[in-house]
Amino acid sequence: AITETARTVKDIRTAEVMKMNAIVNSDKI
């Protein structure tokens, strides 16, 4: 997320993880 954002946005100062999800298929992430 940070790497891709930095391609078009300059002067990134902070990154706060708001939410995490896991996509599951056949009982595996």
PDB file of all heavy atoms in Angstrom:
ATOM      1  N   ALA A   1       0.832  -1.205   0.000  1.00  0.00           N
ATOM      2  CA  ALA A   1       0.000   0.000   0.000  1.00  0.00           C
ATOM      3  C   ALA A   1       0.869   1.257   0.000  1.00  0.00           C
ATOM      4  O   ALA A   1       0.630   2.195  -0.772  1.00  0.00           O
ATOM      5  CB  ALA A   1      -0.941   0.008   1.200  1.00  0.00           C
ATOM      6  N   ILE A   2       1.896   1.278   0.830  1.00  0.00           N
ATOM      7  CA  ILE A   2       2.790   2.440   0.911  1.00  0.00           C
ATOM      8  C   ILE A   2       3.593   2.597  -0.378  1.00  0.00           C
ATOM      9  O   ILE A   2       3.712   3.700  -0.923  1.00  0.00           O
ATOM     10  CB  ILE A   2       3.751   2.313   2.114  1.00  0.00           C
ATOM     11  CG1 ILE A   2       2.960   2.271   3.428  1.00  0.00           C
ATOM     12  CG2 ILE A   2       4.770   3.446   2.128  1.00  0.00           C
ATOM     13  CD1 ILE A   2       2.094   3.479   3.660  1.00  0.00           C
ATOM     14  N   THR A   3       4.130   1.510  -0.878  1.00  0.00           N
ATOM     15  CA  THR A   3       4.951   1.567  -2.096  1.00  0.00           C
ATOM     16  C   THR A   3       4.152   2.101  -3.280  1.00  0.00           C
ATOM     17  O   THR A   3       4.630   2.971  -4.016  1.00  0.00           O
ATOM     18  CB  THR A   3       5.516   0.169  -2.417  1.00  0.00           C
ATOM     19  OG1 THR A   3       6.329  -0.260  -1.319  1.00  0.00           O
ATOM     20  CG2 THR A   3       6.349   0.182  -3.688  1.00  0.00           C
ATOM     21  N   GLU A   4       2.952   1.599  -3.458  1.00  0.00           N
ATOM     22  CA  GLU A   4       2.119   2.056  -4.575  1.00  0.00           C
ATOM     23  C   GLU A   4       1.679   3.502  -4.392  1.00  0.00           C
ATOM     24  O   GLU A   4       1.655   4.277  -5.345  1.00  0.00           O
ATOM     25  CB  GLU A   4       0.912   1.147  -4.760  1.00  0.00           C
ATOM     26  CG  GLU A   4       1.259  -0.190  -5.360  1.00  0.00           C
ATOM     27  CD  GLU A   4       1.899  -0.078  -6.742  1.00  0.00           C
ATOM     28  OE1 GLU A   4       1.386   0.674  -7.595  1.00  0.00           O
ATOM     29  OE2 GLU A   4       2.928  -0.736  -6.961  1.00  0.00           O
ATOM     30  N   THR A   5       1.326   3.876  -3.174  1.00  0.00           N
ATOM     31  CA  THR A   5       0.915   5.262  -2.907  1.00  0.00           C
ATOM     32  C   THR A   5       2.053   6.223  -3.190  1.00  0.00           C
ATOM     33  O   THR A   5       1.849   7.296  -3.772  1.00  0.00           O
ATOM     34  CB  THR A   5       0.441   5.410  -1.449  1.00  0.00           C
ATOM     35  OG1 THR A   5      -0.647   4.502  -1.220  1.00  0.00           O
ATOM     36  CG2 THR A   5      -0.027   6.831  -1.171  1.00  0.00           C
ATOM     37  N   ALA A   6       3.261   5.850  -2.812  1.00  0.00           N
ATOM     38  CA  ALA A   6       4.430   6.721  -2.989  1.00  0.00           C
ATOM     39  C   ALA A   6       4.762   6.975  -4.454  1.00  0.00           C
ATOM     40  O   ALA A   6       5.494   7.916  -4.768  1.00  0.00           O
ATOM     41  CB  ALA A   6       5.639   6.111  -2.281  1.00  0.00           C
ATOM     42  N   ARG A   7       4.202   6.191  -5.353  1.00  0.00           N
ATOM     43  CA  ARG A   7       4.441   6.421  -6.786  1.00  0.00           C
ATOM     44  C   ARG A   7       3.790   7.718  -7.260  1.00  0.00           C
ATOM     45  O   ARG A   7       4.247   8.327  -8.222  1.00  0.00           O
ATOM     46  CB  ARG A   7       3.927   5.241  -7.602  1.00  0.00           C
ATOM     47  CG  ARG A   7       4.717   3.961  -7.309  1.00  0.00           C
ATOM     48  CD  ARG A   7       4.174   2.787  -8.042  1.00  0.00           C
ATOM     49  NE  ARG A   7       4.588   2.913  -9.442  1.00  0.00           N
ATOM     50  CZ  ARG A   7       4.234   2.084 -10.394  1.00  0.00           C
ATOM     51  NH1 ARG A   7       3.434   1.078 -10.116  1.00  0.00           N
ATOM     52  NH2 ARG A   7       4.656   2.256 -11.620  1.00  0.00           N
ATOM     53  N   THR A   8       2.708   8.134  -6.594  1.00  0.00           N
ATOM     54  CA  THR A   8       1.997   9.349  -7.015  1.00  0.00           C
ATOM     55  C   THR A   8       1.844  10.394  -5.922  1.00  0.00           C
ATOM     56  O   THR A   8       1.495  11.532  -6.209  1.00  0.00           O
ATOM     57  CB  THR A   8       0.585   8.999  -7.544  1.00  0.00           C
ATOM     58  OG1 THR A   8      -0.132   8.298  -6.526  1.00  0.00           O
ATOM     59  CG2 THR A   8       0.675   8.155  -8.807  1.00  0.00           C
ATOM     60  N   VAL A   9       2.097  10.029  -4.677  1.00  0.00           N
ATOM     61  CA  VAL A   9       1.951  10.955  -3.554  1.00  0.00           C
ATOM     62  C   VAL A   9       3.324  11.199  -2.933  1.00  0.00           C
ATOM     63  O   VAL A   9       4.050  10.249  -2.631  1.00  0.00           O
ATOM     64  CB  VAL A   9       0.987  10.380  -2.486  1.00  0.00           C
ATOM     65  CG1 VAL A   9       0.946  11.257  -1.252  1.00  0.00           C
ATOM     66  CG2 VAL A   9      -0.399  10.191  -3.072  1.00  0.00           C
ATOM     67  N   LYS A  10       3.668  12.469  -2.736  1.00  0.00           N
ATOM     68  CA  LYS A  10       4.965  12.825  -2.146  1.00  0.00           C
ATOM     69  C   LYS A  10       4.784  13.246  -0.689  1.00  0.00           C
ATOM     70  O   LYS A  10       3.694  13.604  -0.259  1.00  0.00           O
ATOM     71  CB  LYS A  10       5.609  13.966  -2.937  1.00  0.00           C
ATOM     72  CG  LYS A  10       5.799  13.646  -4.408  1.00  0.00           C
ATOM     73  CD  LYS A  10       6.621  12.394  -4.612  1.00  0.00           C
ATOM     74  CE  LYS A  10       6.719  12.011  -6.065  1.00  0.00           C
ATOM     75  NZ  LYS A  10       6.874  10.605  -6.279  1.00  0.00           N
ATOM     76  N   ASP A  11       5.867  13.230   0.046  1.00  0.00           N
ATOM     77  CA  ASP A  11       5.894  13.668   1.457  1.00  0.00           C
ATOM     78  C   ASP A  11       4.975  12.852   2.361  1.00  0.00           C
ATOM     79  O   ASP A  11       4.287  13.393   3.227  1.00  0.00           O
ATOM     80  CB  ASP A  11       5.558  15.155   1.593  1.00  0.00           C
ATOM     81  CG  ASP A  11       6.690  16.048   1.159  1.00  0.00           C
ATOM     82  OD1 ASP A  11       7.861  15.619   1.254  1.00  0.00           O
ATOM     83  OD2 ASP A  11       6.418  17.188   0.727  1.00  0.00           O
ATOM     84  N   ILE A  12       4.942  11.530   2.191  1.00  0.00           N
ATOM     85  CA  ILE A  12       4.176  10.679   3.102  1.00  0.00           C
ATOM     86  C   ILE A  12       4.822  10.759   4.473  1.00  0.00           C
ATOM     87  O   ILE A  12       6.029  10.605   4.612  1.00  0.00           O
ATOM     88  CB  ILE A  12       4.134   9.217   2.607  1.00  0.00           C
ATOM     89  CG1 ILE A  12       3.363   9.129   1.295  1.00  0.00           C
ATOM     90  CG2 ILE A  12       3.516   8.307   3.669  1.00  0.00           C
ATOM     91  CD1 ILE A  12       3.390   7.757   0.649  1.00  0.00           C
ATOM     92  N   ARG A  13       4.003  11.024   5.490  1.00  0.00           N
ATOM     93  CA  ARG A  13       4.527  11.197   6.845  1.00  0.00           C
ATOM     94  C   ARG A  13       4.165  10.057   7.786  1.00  0.00           C
ATOM     95  O   ARG A  13       4.966   9.662   8.620  1.00  0.00           O
ATOM     96  CB  ARG A  13       4.033  12.523   7.441  1.00  0.00           C
ATOM     97  CG  ARG A  13       4.485  13.748   6.666  1.00  0.00           C
ATOM     98  CD  ARG A  13       6.014  13.845   6.676  1.00  0.00           C
ATOM     99  NE  ARG A  13       6.486  14.939   5.875  1.00  0.00           N
ATOM    100  CZ  ARG A  13       6.818  16.136   6.348  1.00  0.00           C
ATOM    101  NH1 ARG A  13       6.720  16.386   7.630  1.00  0.00           N
ATOM    102  NH2 ARG A  13       7.248  17.070   5.532  1.00  0.00           N
ATOM    103  N   THR A  14       2.920   9.562   7.692  1.00  0.00           N
ATOM    104  CA  THR A  14       2.509   8.475   8.579  1.00  0.00           C
ATOM    105  C   THR A  14       1.627   7.485   7.819  1.00  0.00           C
ATOM    106  O   THR A  14       1.027   7.824   6.807  1.00  0.00           O
ATOM    107  CB  THR A  14       1.708   8.977   9.812  1.00  0.00           C
ATOM    108  OG1 THR A  14       0.499   9.589   9.372  1.00  0.00           O
ATOM    109  CG2 THR A  14       2.522   9.938  10.644  1.00  0.00           C
ATOM    110  N   ALA A  15       1.588   6.275   8.351  1.00  0.00           N
ATOM    111  CA  ALA A  15       0.695   5.243   7.822  1.00  0.00           C
ATOM    112  C   ALA A  15       0.095   4.514   9.018  1.00  0.00           C
ATOM    113  O   ALA A  15       0.823   3.973   9.848  1.00  0.00           O
ATOM    114  CB  ALA A  15       1.462   4.274   6.931  1.00  0.00           C
ATOM    115  N   GLU A  16      -1.217   4.527   9.103  1.00  0.00           N
ATOM    116  CA  GLU A  16      -1.921   3.900  10.218  1.00  0.00           C
ATOM    117  C   GLU A  16      -2.757   2.743   9.670  1.00  0.00           C
ATOM    118  O   GLU A  16      -3.582   2.938   8.779  1.00  0.00           O
ATOM    119  CB  GLU A  16      -2.828   4.929  10.887  1.00  0.00           C
ATOM    120  CG  GLU A  16      -3.635   4.391  12.028  1.00  0.00           C
ATOM    121  CD  GLU A  16      -4.553   5.447  12.632  1.00  0.00           C
ATOM    122  OE1 GLU A  16      -4.556   6.597  12.168  1.00  0.00           O
ATOM    123  OE2 GLU A  16      -5.283   5.096  13.564  1.00  0.00           O
ATOM    124  N   VAL A  17      -2.531   1.557  10.198  1.00  0.00           N
ATOM    125  CA  VAL A  17      -3.313   0.398   9.762  1.00  0.00           C
ATOM    126  C   VAL A  17      -4.682   0.490  10.437  1.00  0.00           C
ATOM    127  O   VAL A  17      -4.792   0.467  11.659  1.00  0.00           O
ATOM    128  CB  VAL A  17      -2.607  -0.925  10.118  1.00  0.00           C
ATOM    129  CG1 VAL A  17      -3.481  -2.113   9.729  1.00  0.00           C
ATOM    130  CG2 VAL A  17      -1.253  -1.006   9.436  1.00  0.00           C
ATOM    131  N   MET A  18      -5.709   0.631   9.614  1.00  0.00           N
ATOM    132  CA  MET A  18      -7.066   0.812  10.111  1.00  0.00           C
ATOM    133  C   MET A  18      -7.801  -0.519  10.271  1.00  0.00           C
ATOM    134  O   MET A  18      -8.603  -0.687  11.177  1.00  0.00           O
ATOM    135  CB  MET A  18      -7.861   1.712   9.160  1.00  0.00           C
ATOM    136  CG  MET A  18      -7.211   3.051   8.885  1.00  0.00           C
ATOM    137  SD  MET A  18      -7.001   4.051  10.369  1.00  0.00           S
ATOM    138  CE  MET A  18      -8.693   4.462  10.718  1.00  0.00           C
ATOM    139  N   LYS A  19      -7.509  -1.449   9.357  1.00  0.00           N
ATOM    140  CA  LYS A  19      -8.247  -2.708   9.340  1.00  0.00           C
ATOM    141  C   LYS A  19      -7.426  -3.753   8.600  1.00  0.00           C
ATOM    142  O   LYS A  19      -6.697  -3.424   7.668  1.00  0.00           O
ATOM    143  CB  LYS A  19      -9.576  -2.476   8.614  1.00  0.00           C
ATOM    144  CG  LYS A  19     -10.528  -3.625   8.581  1.00  0.00           C
ATOM    145  CD  LYS A  19     -11.826  -3.210   7.883  1.00  0.00           C
ATOM    146  CE  LYS A  19     -12.783  -4.359   7.801  1.00  0.00           C
ATOM    147  NZ  LYS A  19     -14.010  -3.992   7.096  1.00  0.00           N
ATOM    148  N   MET A  20      -7.560  -5.003   9.019  1.00  0.00           N
ATOM    149  CA  MET A  20      -6.907  -6.102   8.323  1.00  0.00           C
ATOM    150  C   MET A  20      -7.949  -7.180   8.025  1.00  0.00           C
ATOM    151  O   MET A  20      -8.802  -7.451   8.861  1.00  0.00           O
ATOM    152  CB  MET A  20      -5.776  -6.691   9.165  1.00  0.00           C
ATOM    153  CG  MET A  20      -4.625  -5.728   9.375  1.00  0.00           C
ATOM    154  SD  MET A  20      -3.180  -6.451  10.167  1.00  0.00           S
ATOM    155  CE  MET A  20      -3.799  -6.835  11.786  1.00  0.00           C
ATOM    156  N   ASN A  21      -7.859  -7.755   6.825  1.00  0.00           N
ATOM    157  CA  ASN A  21      -8.759  -8.822   6.402  1.00  0.00           C
ATOM    158  C   ASN A  21      -7.939  -9.957   5.813  1.00  0.00           C
ATOM    159  O   ASN A  21      -6.870  -9.727   5.267  1.00  0.00           O
ATOM    160  CB  ASN A  21      -9.715  -8.334   5.302  1.00  0.00           C
ATOM    161  CG  ASN A  21     -10.588  -7.207   5.746  1.00  0.00           C
ATOM    162  OD1 ASN A  21     -11.203  -7.264   6.796  1.00  0.00           O
ATOM    163  ND2 ASN A  21     -10.640  -6.159   4.941  1.00  0.00           N
ATOM    164  N   ALA A  22      -8.479 -11.147   5.895  1.00  0.00           N
ATOM    165  CA  ALA A  22      -7.858 -12.297   5.240  1.00  0.00           C
ATOM    166  C   ALA A  22      -8.902 -12.949   4.345  1.00  0.00           C
ATOM    167  O   ALA A  22     -10.025 -13.222   4.785  1.00  0.00           O
ATOM    168  CB  ALA A  22      -7.341 -13.298   6.265  1.00  0.00           C
ATOM    169  N   ILE A  23      -8.542 -13.184   3.101  1.00  0.00           N
ATOM    170  CA  ILE A  23      -9.414 -13.886   2.170  1.00  0.00           C
ATOM    171  C   ILE A  23      -9.105 -15.372   2.301  1.00  0.00           C
ATOM    172  O   ILE A  23      -7.939 -15.785   2.203  1.00  0.00           O
ATOM    173  CB  ILE A  23      -9.185 -13.410   0.713  1.00  0.00           C
ATOM    174  CG1 ILE A  23      -9.340 -11.887   0.611  1.00  0.00           C
ATOM    175  CG2 ILE A  23     -10.108 -14.135  -0.245  1.00  0.00           C
ATOM    176  CD1 ILE A  23     -10.690 -11.360   1.023  1.00  0.00           C
ATOM    177  N   VAL A  24     -10.136 -16.172   2.528  1.00  0.00           N
ATOM    178  CA  VAL A  24      -9.968 -17.607   2.811  1.00  0.00           C
ATOM    179  C   VAL A  24     -10.614 -18.428   1.696  1.00  0.00           C
ATOM    180  O   VAL A  24     -11.710 -18.120   1.235  1.00  0.00           O
ATOM    181  CB  VAL A  24     -10.599 -17.968   4.173  1.00  0.00           C
ATOM    182  CG1 VAL A  24     -10.480 -19.457   4.452  1.00  0.00           C
ATOM    183  CG2 VAL A  24      -9.961 -17.148   5.288  1.00  0.00           C
ATOM    184  N   ASN A  25      -9.890 -19.478   1.298  1.00  0.00           N
ATOM    185  CA  ASN A  25     -10.402 -20.412   0.295  1.00  0.00           C
ATOM    186  C   ASN A  25      -9.985 -21.812   0.729  1.00  0.00           C
ATOM    187  O   ASN A  25      -8.812 -22.058   0.987  1.00  0.00           O
ATOM    188  CB  ASN A  25      -9.842 -20.075  -1.091  1.00  0.00           C
ATOM    189  CG  ASN A  25     -10.494 -20.871  -2.196  1.00  0.00           C
ATOM    190  OD1 ASN A  25     -11.383 -21.679  -1.957  1.00  0.00           O
ATOM    191  ND2 ASN A  25     -10.041 -20.638  -3.412  1.00  0.00           N
ATOM    192  N   SER A  26     -10.933 -22.732   0.837  1.00  0.00           N
ATOM    193  CA  SER A  26     -10.663 -24.115   1.280  1.00  0.00           C
ATOM    194  C   SER A  26      -9.914 -24.143   2.609  1.00  0.00           C
ATOM    195  O   SER A  26      -8.917 -24.849   2.786  1.00  0.00           O
ATOM    196  CB  SER A  26      -9.878 -24.878   0.206  1.00  0.00           C
ATOM    197  OG  SER A  26     -10.608 -24.951  -0.987  1.00  0.00           O
ATOM    198  N   ASP A  27     -10.376 -23.323   3.545  1.00  0.00           N
ATOM    199  CA  ASP A  27      -9.829 -23.262   4.902  1.00  0.00           C
ATOM    200  C   ASP A  27      -8.388 -22.754   4.971  1.00  0.00           C
ATOM    201  O   ASP A  27      -7.693 -22.979   5.959  1.00  0.00           O
ATOM    202  CB  ASP A  27      -9.928 -24.618   5.608  1.00  0.00           C
ATOM    203  CG  ASP A  27     -11.359 -25.090   5.764  1.00  0.00           C
ATOM    204  OD1 ASP A  27     -12.253 -24.220   5.883  1.00  0.00           O
ATOM    205  OD2 ASP A  27     -11.597 -26.309   5.752  1.00  0.00           O
ATOM    206  N   LYS A  28      -7.907 -22.085   3.931  1.00  0.00           N
ATOM    207  CA  LYS A  28      -6.546 -21.538   3.928  1.00  0.00           C
ATOM    208  C   LYS A  28      -6.598 -20.074   3.515  1.00  0.00           C
ATOM    209  O   LYS A  28      -7.377 -19.690   2.643  1.00  0.00           O
ATOM    210  CB  LYS A  28      -5.648 -22.305   2.971  1.00  0.00           C
ATOM    211  CG  LYS A  28      -5.434 -23.733   3.398  1.00  0.00           C
ATOM    212  CD  LYS A  28      -4.310 -24.357   2.646  1.00  0.00           C
ATOM    213  CE  LYS A  28      -4.187 -25.793   3.162  1.00  0.00           C
ATOM    214  NZ  LYS A  28      -2.881 -26.316   3.073  1.00  0.00           N
ATOM    215  N   ILE A  29      -5.730 -19.289   4.135  1.00  0.00           N
ATOM    216  CA  ILE A  29      -5.633 -17.880   3.758  1.00  0.00           C
ATOM    217  C   ILE A  29      -4.950 -17.803   2.394  1.00  0.00           C
ATOM    218  O   ILE A  29      -3.859 -18.333   2.207  1.00  0.00           O
ATOM    219  CB  ILE A  29      -4.843 -17.074   4.798  1.00  0.00           C
ATOM    220  CG1 ILE A  29      -5.601 -17.046   6.123  1.00  0.00           C
ATOM    221  CG2 ILE A  29      -4.596 -15.647   4.293  1.00  0.00           C
ATOM    222  CD1 ILE A  29      -4.841 -16.400   7.268  1.00  0.00           C
TER     223      ILE A  29
END
